[in-house]
N, C-alpha and C. Protein backbone atom coordinates (compact mmCIF):
# COMPACT_ATOMS: atom_id res chain seq x y z
N MET A 1 27.02 61.09 65.70
CA MET A 1 25.42 62.01 65.07
C MET A 1 24.41 61.73 66.30
N ALA A 2 24.35 63.29 66.48
CA ALA A 2 23.67 63.54 68.08
C ALA A 2 22.97 64.49 67.95
N GLY A 3 21.83 64.70 68.60
CA GLY A 3 20.76 65.73 68.68
C GLY A 3 20.90 66.63 69.94
N ASN A 4 21.15 68.02 69.87
CA ASN A 4 20.87 68.80 71.27
C ASN A 4 19.77 68.53 72.16
N LEU A 5 20.11 67.97 73.02
CA LEU A 5 19.29 67.72 74.31
C LEU A 5 19.07 69.16 74.80
N VAL A 6 19.82 69.46 75.30
CA VAL A 6 19.54 70.89 76.44
C VAL A 6 21.11 72.07 75.80
N GLU A 7 20.41 73.23 75.42
CA GLU A 7 21.13 74.70 75.45
C GLU A 7 21.65 74.88 76.84
N ILE A 8 22.86 75.26 76.89
CA ILE A 8 23.11 76.15 77.88
C ILE A 8 23.94 77.41 77.75
N GLN A 9 23.56 78.66 77.92
CA GLN A 9 23.79 79.63 78.02
C GLN A 9 23.06 81.22 78.30
N PHE A 10 23.86 82.21 78.56
CA PHE A 10 23.67 82.91 79.92
C PHE A 10 22.73 84.41 78.55
N GLU A 11 21.54 84.26 79.34
CA GLU A 11 20.84 85.73 78.95
C GLU A 11 21.77 86.80 78.80
N GLU A 12 21.63 87.40 77.26
CA GLU A 12 22.47 88.53 77.30
C GLU A 12 22.38 89.70 78.33
N ALA A 13 21.05 90.13 78.31
CA ALA A 13 20.24 90.88 78.91
C ALA A 13 20.47 91.20 79.90
N LYS A 14 21.32 89.59 80.85
CA LYS A 14 21.70 89.87 82.41
C LYS A 14 23.19 89.86 82.54
N LEU A 15 24.03 90.05 81.19
CA LEU A 15 25.23 90.26 81.32
C LEU A 15 26.09 91.29 81.70
N LYS A 16 24.98 92.93 82.08
CA LYS A 16 25.60 93.88 82.31
C LYS A 16 25.66 93.85 83.53
N ARG A 17 25.30 93.30 84.55
CA ARG A 17 25.43 92.85 86.23
C ARG A 17 26.53 92.49 86.42
N ILE A 18 26.91 91.67 85.55
CA ILE A 18 28.06 91.12 85.72
C ILE A 18 29.49 91.69 85.50
N GLU A 19 29.02 92.51 84.38
CA GLU A 19 30.38 93.71 83.84
C GLU A 19 30.60 94.92 84.84
N ARG A 20 29.77 95.04 85.30
CA ARG A 20 29.94 95.66 86.54
C ARG A 20 30.24 95.61 87.84
N MET A 21 30.20 94.08 88.17
CA MET A 21 31.17 93.08 89.43
C MET A 21 32.04 92.79 88.62
N LEU A 22 32.41 93.21 87.91
CA LEU A 22 33.93 93.07 86.98
C LEU A 22 34.82 94.11 86.74
N LYS A 23 33.97 94.43 86.18
CA LYS A 23 34.76 95.76 86.30
C LYS A 23 36.26 96.44 87.41
N GLY A 24 36.95 96.48 85.93
CA GLY A 24 38.61 96.20 86.79
C GLY A 24 39.12 95.30 86.80
N VAL A 25 38.64 94.13 86.39
CA VAL A 25 39.60 92.60 86.44
C VAL A 25 39.76 92.46 85.14
N PRO A 26 40.84 92.85 84.28
CA PRO A 26 41.12 92.82 82.81
C PRO A 26 40.62 90.54 82.79
N GLY A 27 40.31 90.87 81.60
CA GLY A 27 40.12 89.22 80.99
C GLY A 27 39.09 88.32 82.09
N ALA A 28 38.56 89.27 83.06
CA ALA A 28 37.35 88.32 83.69
C ALA A 28 35.93 87.72 83.26
N MET A 29 35.58 88.42 82.42
CA MET A 29 34.59 87.95 82.26
C MET A 29 34.11 86.20 81.16
N PRO A 30 35.62 86.79 80.37
CA PRO A 30 35.51 85.32 79.28
C PRO A 30 35.85 84.18 80.43
N LYS A 31 36.22 84.19 81.02
CA LYS A 31 36.88 82.98 82.15
C LYS A 31 35.88 82.62 83.35
N VAL A 32 35.33 83.51 83.86
CA VAL A 32 34.00 83.73 84.41
C VAL A 32 32.73 82.70 83.93
N MET A 33 32.07 83.35 82.68
CA MET A 33 31.32 82.50 81.93
C MET A 33 30.97 80.98 81.24
N SER A 34 32.79 81.05 81.06
CA SER A 34 33.68 79.89 80.36
C SER A 34 33.13 79.06 81.39
N ARG A 35 33.88 79.17 82.81
CA ARG A 35 33.87 77.75 83.68
C ARG A 35 32.32 78.19 84.21
N GLY A 36 31.68 79.25 84.63
CA GLY A 36 30.26 78.97 84.66
C GLY A 36 29.44 77.99 84.32
N ILE A 37 29.66 77.91 82.71
CA ILE A 37 28.76 77.16 81.65
C ILE A 37 29.10 76.20 82.07
N ASN A 38 30.05 75.70 81.83
CA ASN A 38 31.00 74.12 81.99
C ASN A 38 30.62 73.67 83.12
N ARG A 39 30.20 74.40 84.33
CA ARG A 39 30.31 73.49 85.82
C ARG A 39 28.67 73.09 85.44
N THR A 40 27.85 74.02 84.99
CA THR A 40 26.47 73.99 84.51
C THR A 40 26.32 72.41 83.85
N ALA A 41 26.55 72.67 82.93
CA ALA A 41 26.86 71.43 81.53
C ALA A 41 27.07 69.99 82.30
N THR A 42 28.41 70.03 82.88
CA THR A 42 28.56 69.07 83.43
C THR A 42 28.08 68.46 84.67
N MET A 43 27.06 69.36 85.56
CA MET A 43 26.12 68.90 86.92
C MET A 43 24.49 68.43 86.09
N SER A 44 24.67 69.20 84.62
CA SER A 44 23.16 68.91 84.10
C SER A 44 23.67 67.26 83.41
N ARG A 45 24.43 67.55 82.59
CA ARG A 45 24.53 65.88 82.47
C ARG A 45 24.79 64.59 83.64
N THR A 46 25.17 65.06 84.24
CA THR A 46 24.84 64.36 86.09
C THR A 46 24.22 63.70 86.12
N GLU A 47 22.84 64.79 86.29
CA GLU A 47 21.47 64.61 86.71
C GLU A 47 20.71 64.08 84.88
N ILE A 48 20.49 64.32 83.80
CA ILE A 48 20.21 63.44 82.67
C ILE A 48 20.58 62.19 83.41
N ILE A 49 22.05 62.08 83.40
CA ILE A 49 21.87 60.54 83.54
C ILE A 49 21.79 59.53 84.83
N ARG A 50 21.04 60.46 85.89
CA ARG A 50 20.33 60.05 87.16
C ARG A 50 19.46 59.59 86.32
N GLN A 51 18.52 60.58 85.70
CA GLN A 51 17.04 60.20 85.97
C GLN A 51 16.83 59.05 84.63
N ILE A 52 17.46 58.90 83.48
CA ILE A 52 17.64 58.55 82.76
C ILE A 52 17.62 56.58 82.95
N GLN A 53 18.87 56.26 84.62
CA GLN A 53 18.91 55.21 84.83
C GLN A 53 17.73 55.08 86.30
N ALA A 54 17.05 56.04 85.98
CA ALA A 54 15.62 55.28 86.62
C ALA A 54 14.85 54.84 85.95
N LYS A 55 14.63 54.98 84.76
CA LYS A 55 13.97 54.49 83.66
C LYS A 55 14.22 53.13 83.07
N ILE A 56 15.37 53.08 82.86
CA ILE A 56 16.39 52.26 81.44
C ILE A 56 17.81 51.63 82.54
N LYS A 57 17.78 50.39 82.67
CA LYS A 57 18.30 49.61 83.14
C LYS A 57 19.81 49.48 81.84
N ILE A 58 20.49 50.90 82.16
CA ILE A 58 21.86 51.09 81.55
C ILE A 58 22.76 51.68 82.80
N LYS A 59 23.89 50.73 82.22
CA LYS A 59 25.15 51.30 82.90
C LYS A 59 25.30 52.99 82.98
N GLN A 60 26.05 53.31 83.77
CA GLN A 60 26.04 54.70 83.27
C GLN A 60 27.34 54.99 82.35
N LYS A 61 27.66 54.26 81.88
CA LYS A 61 29.40 54.27 80.71
C LYS A 61 28.60 54.25 79.59
N GLY A 62 27.39 53.49 80.05
CA GLY A 62 26.55 53.26 78.52
C GLY A 62 25.74 54.15 77.88
N ILE A 63 25.71 55.17 78.89
CA ILE A 63 24.12 56.53 79.32
C ILE A 63 25.66 57.51 78.67
N LYS A 64 26.78 57.63 79.03
CA LYS A 64 28.15 58.32 78.71
C LYS A 64 27.98 58.38 76.98
N LYS A 65 28.12 57.42 76.77
CA LYS A 65 28.51 57.12 75.34
C LYS A 65 27.31 57.41 74.73
N GLY A 66 26.36 57.22 74.65
CA GLY A 66 25.46 58.06 73.96
C GLY A 66 24.90 59.56 74.57
N LEU A 67 26.18 60.75 75.01
CA LEU A 67 25.57 61.65 75.15
C LEU A 67 26.85 62.66 74.97
N THR A 68 26.93 63.51 74.34
CA THR A 68 27.84 64.52 74.08
C THR A 68 27.98 65.76 74.64
N LEU A 69 29.00 66.04 75.13
CA LEU A 69 28.98 67.28 75.95
C LEU A 69 30.11 68.56 75.06
N GLU A 70 29.05 69.51 74.56
CA GLU A 70 30.25 70.63 73.48
C GLU A 70 30.20 71.76 74.60
N LYS A 71 31.30 71.83 75.12
CA LYS A 71 31.86 72.89 76.31
C LYS A 71 31.88 74.63 75.16
N ALA A 72 31.58 75.55 76.56
CA ALA A 72 31.63 77.18 76.01
C ALA A 72 33.47 76.98 76.53
N THR A 73 34.03 78.36 75.65
CA THR A 73 35.32 78.43 75.70
C THR A 73 35.34 79.73 76.00
N ARG A 74 36.51 80.29 76.29
CA ARG A 74 36.36 81.64 76.53
C ARG A 74 35.95 82.86 75.49
N ASN A 75 35.97 82.35 73.86
CA ASN A 75 35.31 82.44 73.27
C ASN A 75 33.69 82.41 72.76
N LYS A 76 33.11 81.12 72.72
CA LYS A 76 32.17 80.89 72.82
C LYS A 76 31.77 80.59 74.34
N TRP A 77 30.50 81.58 74.87
CA TRP A 77 29.25 81.50 76.18
C TRP A 77 28.67 80.32 75.49
N ALA A 78 28.31 79.37 75.75
CA ALA A 78 27.30 78.41 75.25
C ALA A 78 27.75 76.99 75.73
N ALA A 79 27.57 75.94 75.90
CA ALA A 79 27.40 74.51 75.83
C ALA A 79 26.52 74.17 75.82
N SER A 80 26.37 72.65 75.20
CA SER A 80 25.15 72.04 74.74
C SER A 80 25.64 70.63 75.12
N ILE A 81 24.27 69.85 75.58
CA ILE A 81 24.50 68.76 75.62
C ILE A 81 23.53 67.99 74.56
N GLY A 82 24.23 66.48 73.55
CA GLY A 82 23.81 66.49 72.79
C GLY A 82 23.58 64.45 72.75
N ILE A 83 22.28 64.03 72.08
CA ILE A 83 22.14 62.42 72.46
C ILE A 83 22.06 62.01 71.11
N SER A 84 23.06 60.60 71.02
CA SER A 84 23.53 60.49 70.67
C SER A 84 22.78 59.43 69.77
N THR A 85 22.35 59.03 68.04
CA THR A 85 22.07 58.33 67.51
C THR A 85 22.23 56.61 67.20
N LYS A 86 23.47 56.34 67.64
CA LYS A 86 24.23 55.47 67.63
C LYS A 86 23.83 53.98 68.43
N ARG A 87 23.36 53.21 68.16
CA ARG A 87 23.47 52.02 69.04
C ARG A 87 24.46 51.71 70.11
N ILE A 88 23.66 51.41 70.99
CA ILE A 88 24.95 50.99 72.61
C ILE A 88 24.85 49.85 72.83
N PRO A 89 26.56 49.41 72.54
CA PRO A 89 26.67 47.94 72.99
C PRO A 89 25.44 47.21 74.12
N LEU A 90 25.13 46.24 73.62
CA LEU A 90 24.09 45.23 74.66
C LEU A 90 24.81 44.57 76.00
N ILE A 91 26.04 45.48 75.95
CA ILE A 91 26.68 44.79 77.41
C ILE A 91 26.37 45.35 78.51
N TYR A 92 26.00 46.92 78.12
CA TYR A 92 26.07 47.95 79.16
C TYR A 92 24.23 48.33 79.64
N PHE A 93 23.16 47.44 78.90
CA PHE A 93 21.98 47.17 79.39
C PHE A 93 21.93 45.95 80.27
N ASN A 94 22.73 45.75 81.61
CA ASN A 94 22.99 44.73 82.29
C ASN A 94 22.98 43.62 82.08
N ALA A 95 23.63 42.86 81.02
CA ALA A 95 24.54 42.37 80.31
C ALA A 95 24.87 41.34 81.39
N ARG A 96 23.94 39.65 81.78
CA ARG A 96 24.44 38.76 82.43
C ARG A 96 25.11 37.21 81.69
N LYS A 97 25.94 36.57 82.29
CA LYS A 97 25.96 35.17 81.83
C LYS A 97 24.98 34.12 82.20
N ALA A 98 23.74 33.75 81.83
CA ALA A 98 23.13 32.36 82.49
C ALA A 98 23.62 30.82 81.66
N LYS A 99 23.09 30.42 82.03
CA LYS A 99 23.43 28.56 81.87
C LYS A 99 23.52 28.68 80.40
N LYS A 100 22.32 29.07 79.52
CA LYS A 100 22.51 29.01 78.26
C LYS A 100 22.37 30.40 77.94
N GLY A 101 23.40 31.01 77.48
CA GLY A 101 23.47 32.37 76.32
C GLY A 101 23.47 33.26 77.91
N VAL A 102 23.22 34.38 77.26
CA VAL A 102 23.48 35.65 77.94
C VAL A 102 21.76 36.21 78.54
N THR A 103 21.70 36.87 79.28
CA THR A 103 20.17 37.70 79.40
C THR A 103 20.98 38.84 79.71
N TYR A 104 19.68 40.02 79.75
CA TYR A 104 19.98 41.43 79.79
C TYR A 104 18.40 42.18 79.44
N GLN A 105 18.44 43.63 80.57
CA GLN A 105 16.98 44.18 80.77
C GLN A 105 17.15 45.41 80.02
N ILE A 106 16.51 46.09 79.01
CA ILE A 106 16.08 47.49 78.84
C ILE A 106 15.30 48.32 79.69
N ASP A 107 13.83 48.42 79.96
CA ASP A 107 13.14 48.77 80.75
C ASP A 107 13.37 48.04 82.05
N SER A 108 13.60 49.08 82.79
CA SER A 108 13.41 48.93 84.30
C SER A 108 12.45 48.32 84.73
N SER A 109 11.04 48.76 83.75
CA SER A 109 10.30 47.83 85.09
C SER A 109 9.69 46.60 84.03
N GLY A 110 10.74 46.34 82.81
CA GLY A 110 10.50 45.35 82.19
C GLY A 110 11.22 44.14 82.47
N ALA A 111 10.92 42.73 82.27
CA ALA A 111 11.37 41.67 82.06
C ALA A 111 12.65 41.43 81.67
N ARG A 112 13.37 40.57 81.79
CA ARG A 112 14.88 40.15 81.45
C ARG A 112 14.48 39.09 80.33
N LYS A 113 15.45 39.69 79.05
CA LYS A 113 15.39 38.78 78.46
C LYS A 113 16.68 37.94 77.49
N GLN A 114 15.96 36.63 76.98
CA GLN A 114 17.71 36.32 76.75
C GLN A 114 18.04 36.13 74.91
N ILE A 115 18.93 35.96 75.32
CA ILE A 115 19.36 35.66 73.77
C ILE A 115 19.73 34.33 73.08
N LYS A 116 18.90 33.59 72.00
CA LYS A 116 19.06 32.46 71.75
C LYS A 116 19.18 32.16 70.50
N ALA A 117 19.68 30.89 70.91
CA ALA A 117 20.28 30.77 69.06
C ALA A 117 19.31 30.41 68.15
N ASP A 118 19.07 30.80 66.99
CA ASP A 118 18.04 30.29 65.62
C ASP A 118 19.67 29.61 64.53
N GLU A 119 18.44 29.96 63.67
CA GLU A 119 19.56 29.15 62.68
C GLU A 119 20.05 29.99 61.31
N LEU A 120 20.42 31.19 62.32
CA LEU A 120 21.48 32.17 61.54
C LEU A 120 23.06 32.04 62.92
N PHE A 121 22.70 32.06 63.91
CA PHE A 121 23.61 32.65 64.95
C PHE A 121 23.11 31.49 66.60
N SER A 122 24.32 31.09 67.17
CA SER A 122 24.68 30.50 68.32
C SER A 122 23.89 31.44 69.25
N GLY A 123 23.62 30.87 70.15
CA GLY A 123 23.17 31.78 71.73
C GLY A 123 24.67 32.72 72.15
N GLY A 124 24.18 33.75 73.17
CA GLY A 124 24.80 34.80 73.01
C GLY A 124 25.74 34.32 74.38
N PHE A 125 27.29 34.92 74.18
CA PHE A 125 27.96 34.97 75.15
C PHE A 125 28.95 35.95 75.38
N ILE A 126 29.35 36.79 76.53
CA ILE A 126 30.27 37.18 76.84
C ILE A 126 31.86 37.67 76.89
N ALA A 127 32.55 38.52 76.44
CA ALA A 127 33.76 37.84 75.70
C ALA A 127 34.43 39.52 75.90
N THR A 128 35.63 39.71 76.08
CA THR A 128 36.89 40.07 75.83
C THR A 128 37.57 40.38 75.38
N MET A 129 37.96 41.43 74.21
CA MET A 129 38.29 41.11 72.85
C MET A 129 39.89 41.26 73.46
N LYS A 130 41.17 40.83 73.43
CA LYS A 130 42.31 40.40 73.31
C LYS A 130 42.61 42.26 72.95
N LYS A 131 42.95 42.68 71.49
CA LYS A 131 43.66 43.54 71.38
C LYS A 131 42.90 44.72 71.81
N THR A 132 41.56 45.06 72.09
CA THR A 132 41.09 46.33 72.62
C THR A 132 40.91 46.37 73.97
N GLY A 133 40.80 44.97 74.49
CA GLY A 133 40.41 45.36 75.50
C GLY A 133 38.67 45.14 76.15
N HIS A 134 37.90 45.55 74.46
CA HIS A 134 36.68 45.63 74.70
C HIS A 134 35.49 44.74 74.90
N GLU A 135 34.71 45.12 76.00
CA GLU A 135 34.01 43.68 76.73
C GLU A 135 32.66 44.04 75.57
N GLY A 136 32.00 42.71 75.04
CA GLY A 136 30.99 43.21 74.63
C GLY A 136 29.84 41.44 74.95
N VAL A 137 29.01 41.81 73.95
CA VAL A 137 27.86 40.88 73.85
C VAL A 137 28.05 39.77 72.20
N PHE A 138 28.58 38.99 72.64
CA PHE A 138 28.63 38.32 71.02
C PHE A 138 27.49 36.77 71.03
N VAL A 139 27.68 36.85 69.57
CA VAL A 139 27.23 35.99 68.46
C VAL A 139 27.37 35.44 67.68
N ARG A 140 27.88 34.02 67.48
CA ARG A 140 29.40 33.61 66.37
C ARG A 140 28.16 32.54 64.93
N ARG A 141 28.59 33.59 64.01
CA ARG A 141 27.52 33.18 63.05
C ARG A 141 27.57 31.35 62.56
N LYS A 142 26.72 30.93 62.72
CA LYS A 142 26.29 29.95 62.34
C LYS A 142 26.43 28.70 60.57
N ILE A 143 25.77 30.22 59.82
CA ILE A 143 26.44 29.95 58.36
C ILE A 143 26.79 31.47 57.37
N ARG A 144 27.07 30.78 56.42
CA ARG A 144 27.48 31.88 55.74
C ARG A 144 26.09 33.42 55.32
N MET A 145 26.52 34.75 55.68
CA MET A 145 25.67 35.30 55.64
C MET A 145 25.35 35.52 53.83
N THR A 146 24.51 35.88 52.92
CA THR A 146 24.70 36.19 51.64
C THR A 146 23.47 36.94 50.90
N THR A 147 22.96 37.96 50.10
CA THR A 147 21.73 38.36 49.93
C THR A 147 20.88 37.67 49.56
N LYS A 148 20.83 36.53 49.45
CA LYS A 148 19.88 35.28 48.77
C LYS A 148 19.48 34.17 50.45
N ILE A 149 19.51 35.35 51.63
CA ILE A 149 19.22 34.84 53.21
C ILE A 149 17.82 34.16 53.40
N GLU A 150 16.70 34.68 51.73
CA GLU A 150 15.95 33.92 52.06
C GLU A 150 15.47 32.76 51.67
N GLN A 151 16.29 32.49 51.10
CA GLN A 151 16.49 30.53 50.89
C GLN A 151 16.15 29.79 52.12
N LEU A 152 17.01 30.05 53.38
CA LEU A 152 16.81 30.09 54.30
C LEU A 152 15.96 29.09 55.27
N PHE A 153 14.67 30.18 54.80
CA PHE A 153 13.36 29.74 55.34
C PHE A 153 12.40 29.32 54.48
N LYS A 154 12.74 29.41 53.14
CA LYS A 154 12.20 28.47 52.02
C LYS A 154 12.71 26.74 52.47
N GLY A 155 13.88 26.99 52.97
CA GLY A 155 14.01 25.12 53.39
C GLY A 155 15.53 24.63 52.61
N LYS A 156 15.83 25.77 51.95
CA LYS A 156 16.42 25.15 50.86
C LYS A 156 18.02 25.24 51.49
N GLY A 157 18.72 25.98 52.43
CA GLY A 157 19.79 26.12 53.14
C GLY A 157 20.37 27.12 51.89
N VAL A 158 21.42 27.76 52.54
CA VAL A 158 22.62 29.08 52.59
C VAL A 158 23.40 27.89 52.37
N SER A 159 24.92 28.57 51.42
CA SER A 159 26.19 28.42 51.25
C SER A 159 27.08 28.65 52.70
N GLU A 160 27.83 27.75 53.23
CA GLU A 160 28.37 27.88 54.63
C GLU A 160 29.69 28.10 54.18
N ARG A 161 30.34 28.63 53.23
CA ARG A 161 31.84 29.11 52.87
C ARG A 161 32.77 30.41 53.57
N SER A 162 33.44 30.77 53.85
CA SER A 162 33.81 31.80 53.94
C SER A 162 33.58 32.75 55.20
N ASN A 163 32.10 33.29 55.38
CA ASN A 163 32.69 33.42 57.06
C ASN A 163 31.70 33.10 57.60
N ARG A 164 31.64 32.00 57.73
CA ARG A 164 30.37 30.85 59.10
C ARG A 164 31.85 30.86 60.12
N GLY A 165 31.20 30.83 61.06
CA GLY A 165 31.85 31.57 62.60
C GLY A 165 32.63 32.83 62.51
N VAL A 166 32.10 33.68 62.38
CA VAL A 166 32.59 35.17 62.52
C VAL A 166 31.00 35.55 63.85
N ILE A 167 32.41 36.04 64.59
CA ILE A 167 31.99 36.60 65.34
C ILE A 167 31.11 37.94 64.84
N VAL A 168 29.80 38.42 65.78
CA VAL A 168 29.26 39.59 65.93
C VAL A 168 28.49 40.06 67.56
N GLU A 169 29.05 41.15 67.33
CA GLU A 169 28.63 42.28 68.27
C GLU A 169 26.60 42.45 68.24
N ARG A 170 26.64 42.19 69.73
CA ARG A 170 25.15 42.70 69.56
C ARG A 170 24.88 43.66 69.86
N PHE A 171 23.77 44.98 69.65
CA PHE A 171 23.67 45.98 70.24
C PHE A 171 22.43 46.62 70.68
N GLY A 172 22.07 46.99 71.94
CA GLY A 172 20.59 47.61 72.54
C GLY A 172 20.90 48.65 71.35
N PRO A 173 19.02 49.41 71.46
CA PRO A 173 19.29 50.43 71.53
C PRO A 173 19.49 51.88 71.30
N SER A 174 19.68 52.87 70.25
CA SER A 174 20.70 54.22 70.43
C SER A 174 19.82 55.05 71.52
N LEU A 175 20.27 55.34 72.08
CA LEU A 175 20.01 56.97 73.52
C LEU A 175 18.61 57.33 72.77
N GLY A 176 18.95 57.71 71.70
CA GLY A 176 18.31 58.93 71.04
C GLY A 176 16.91 58.01 71.00
N HIS A 177 17.37 57.03 69.84
CA HIS A 177 15.91 55.96 69.43
C HIS A 177 14.59 55.33 70.68
N TYR A 178 15.86 55.92 72.44
CA TYR A 178 15.11 54.76 73.33
C TYR A 178 14.49 56.14 74.32
N PHE A 179 14.94 57.38 73.79
CA PHE A 179 14.52 58.37 74.75
C PHE A 179 13.13 58.56 75.07
N GLU A 180 12.31 58.33 74.78
CA GLU A 180 11.08 58.21 74.63
C GLU A 180 10.63 57.88 76.55
N ALA A 181 11.41 56.82 76.52
CA ALA A 181 11.11 55.88 78.00
C ALA A 181 11.55 56.75 78.63
N ALA A 182 12.25 57.90 78.95
CA ALA A 182 12.39 59.16 79.69
C ALA A 182 11.80 60.27 79.40
N SER A 183 11.07 60.71 78.96
CA SER A 183 10.24 61.78 78.09
C SER A 183 9.97 62.47 79.32
N GLY A 184 10.08 64.05 78.88
CA GLY A 184 9.90 64.76 80.19
C GLY A 184 11.70 65.37 80.46
N ILE A 185 12.31 64.32 80.28
CA ILE A 185 14.01 64.57 81.19
C ILE A 185 14.17 66.12 80.56
N ALA A 186 14.70 66.51 79.43
CA ALA A 186 14.91 67.23 78.93
C ALA A 186 14.44 68.44 79.03
N ALA A 187 13.11 68.55 79.02
CA ALA A 187 12.65 69.72 79.37
C ALA A 187 12.45 70.21 81.14
N ASP A 188 12.76 68.74 81.37
CA ASP A 188 12.82 69.40 83.45
C ASP A 188 14.41 69.45 83.27
N ILE A 189 15.48 69.14 82.91
CA ILE A 189 16.61 69.81 83.22
C ILE A 189 16.71 71.10 82.60
N GLN A 190 16.31 71.71 81.13
CA GLN A 190 16.48 73.03 80.79
C GLN A 190 15.78 73.91 81.76
N SER A 191 14.78 73.40 82.48
CA SER A 191 13.78 74.50 83.23
C SER A 191 14.56 74.53 84.56
N LYS A 192 15.60 73.82 84.66
CA LYS A 192 16.32 74.05 85.60
C LYS A 192 17.74 74.84 85.91
N THR A 193 18.15 74.57 84.88
CA THR A 193 19.09 75.45 83.90
C THR A 193 19.95 76.91 84.17
N GLY A 194 18.34 77.81 84.15
CA GLY A 194 18.91 79.28 84.12
C GLY A 194 19.30 79.82 85.64
N GLU A 195 18.35 78.79 86.70
CA GLU A 195 18.52 79.11 87.81
C GLU A 195 20.05 78.67 88.71
N LEU A 196 20.26 77.16 87.80
CA LEU A 196 21.54 76.80 87.97
C LEU A 196 22.95 77.49 87.62
N LEU A 197 22.98 78.01 86.20
CA LEU A 197 23.52 78.74 86.13
C LEU A 197 23.69 80.26 86.29
N GLU A 198 23.07 81.05 86.82
CA GLU A 198 23.77 82.18 87.41
C GLU A 198 23.97 81.83 88.76
N LYS A 199 23.82 80.60 89.72
CA LYS A 199 24.50 80.32 90.76
C LYS A 199 25.98 80.10 90.46
N ASN A 200 26.36 79.22 89.35
CA ASN A 200 27.23 78.82 89.31
C ASN A 200 28.34 80.42 89.03
N ILE A 201 28.08 81.00 88.19
CA ILE A 201 28.68 81.92 87.44
C ILE A 201 28.81 83.00 89.24
N ASP A 202 27.53 82.94 89.79
CA ASP A 202 27.92 83.85 91.01
C ASP A 202 28.87 83.36 91.98
N ASP A 203 28.96 82.30 91.64
CA ASP A 203 30.72 81.04 92.55
C ASP A 203 31.64 81.68 91.82
N GLN A 204 31.56 81.91 90.09
CA GLN A 204 32.88 81.89 90.03
C GLN A 204 33.65 83.42 89.73
N ILE A 205 32.53 84.30 90.57
CA ILE A 205 32.91 85.71 90.45
C ILE A 205 33.08 85.84 92.24
N LYS A 206 32.84 85.30 92.12
CA LYS A 206 33.24 85.21 93.98
C LYS A 206 34.47 84.98 94.17
N LEU A 207 34.27 83.55 93.48
CA LEU A 207 36.22 82.63 94.14
C LEU A 207 37.46 83.84 93.50
N LEU A 208 36.71 84.68 92.00
CA LEU A 208 37.19 85.24 91.10
C LEU A 208 37.99 86.37 92.49
N LEU A 209 36.82 87.24 92.49
CA LEU A 209 37.62 88.55 93.77
C LEU A 209 38.13 88.10 94.23
N GLU A 210 37.90 87.20 95.78
CA GLU A 210 38.16 86.78 96.74
C GLU A 210 39.74 86.65 96.53
N LYS A 211 40.07 85.57 95.26
CA LYS A 211 41.67 85.64 95.09
C LYS A 211 42.82 87.07 94.84
N ARG A 212 41.73 87.77 94.84
CA ARG A 212 42.04 89.63 94.35
C ARG A 212 41.71 90.02 95.60
N GLY A 213 41.32 89.53 96.60
CA GLY A 213 41.10 90.40 97.69
C GLY A 213 39.90 91.45 97.91
N ALA A 214 39.77 91.05 96.67
CA ALA A 214 37.70 92.27 96.28
C ALA A 214 36.69 91.83 97.15
N VAL A 215 36.98 91.44 97.55
CA VAL A 215 35.39 90.80 98.28
C VAL A 215 35.06 92.00 99.55
N ARG A 216 34.05 92.29 99.44
CA ARG A 216 33.49 93.25 100.30
C ARG A 216 32.24 92.82 101.58
C-alpha cells in the first residue's frame, strides 16, 4: 500500500504551445508527453533517493522497495511517485555482522543498535535464503509463541512445542512511517518538477523534430 508523494503532470494551459510546435507531425503529442513526463518522474525519484540517503542510513535498494513509480502512457499524461507503508527488511539499514549478533543503523546521526537475545529470540544473524536468494537479518525463536505469552513474564513459562526454533526475519520502519526524518523532500521535489518537466518535454520535441529533419 502506498500514498502519492509527488504528482507529475503538464499544465493544460501550456499544451497549446506544444501543439503548435508539433503541428503536422502525426501522433507526436502522446509520444512527446509520455516520454517527457516519465523522464521527469525517473529523475525526481533519483533525487528523492539521494535526499533520503542523506538523512537515513538505508541502502538505495531499500529505498526503491519503499517507492512506487506509476508511469505516464500515451493515453494518460501523468505520472506519480508513491511511498509505501510496508516495513522494509532490516538488512537494508546498514546491517552488519558483529561478534555477538547483528548491528544496524537507521538515523544517519544516531548510534548503531544491536539485536540482543531475550526470553523469546536468539541474537540476530545475517543469512541468505537458499530457495529465493533473499538476504536478511533473522532471529531464531527460542520457544513456542502462544496467545498466552503473558505467562512468560509472570514466570510461568510457555510451552515449547511445535514452532520452537522457527526463523523470523526482522524489519525496520516503513519508508512512509519514517518519512518525517526526511521532511521537506516531497515539497522540494514537487516545486522543481514543473521547470524540469518543461525542459524534458522540450528536449523530446527537439529530438523528434531533428529525426524528421525539421529543426530550423
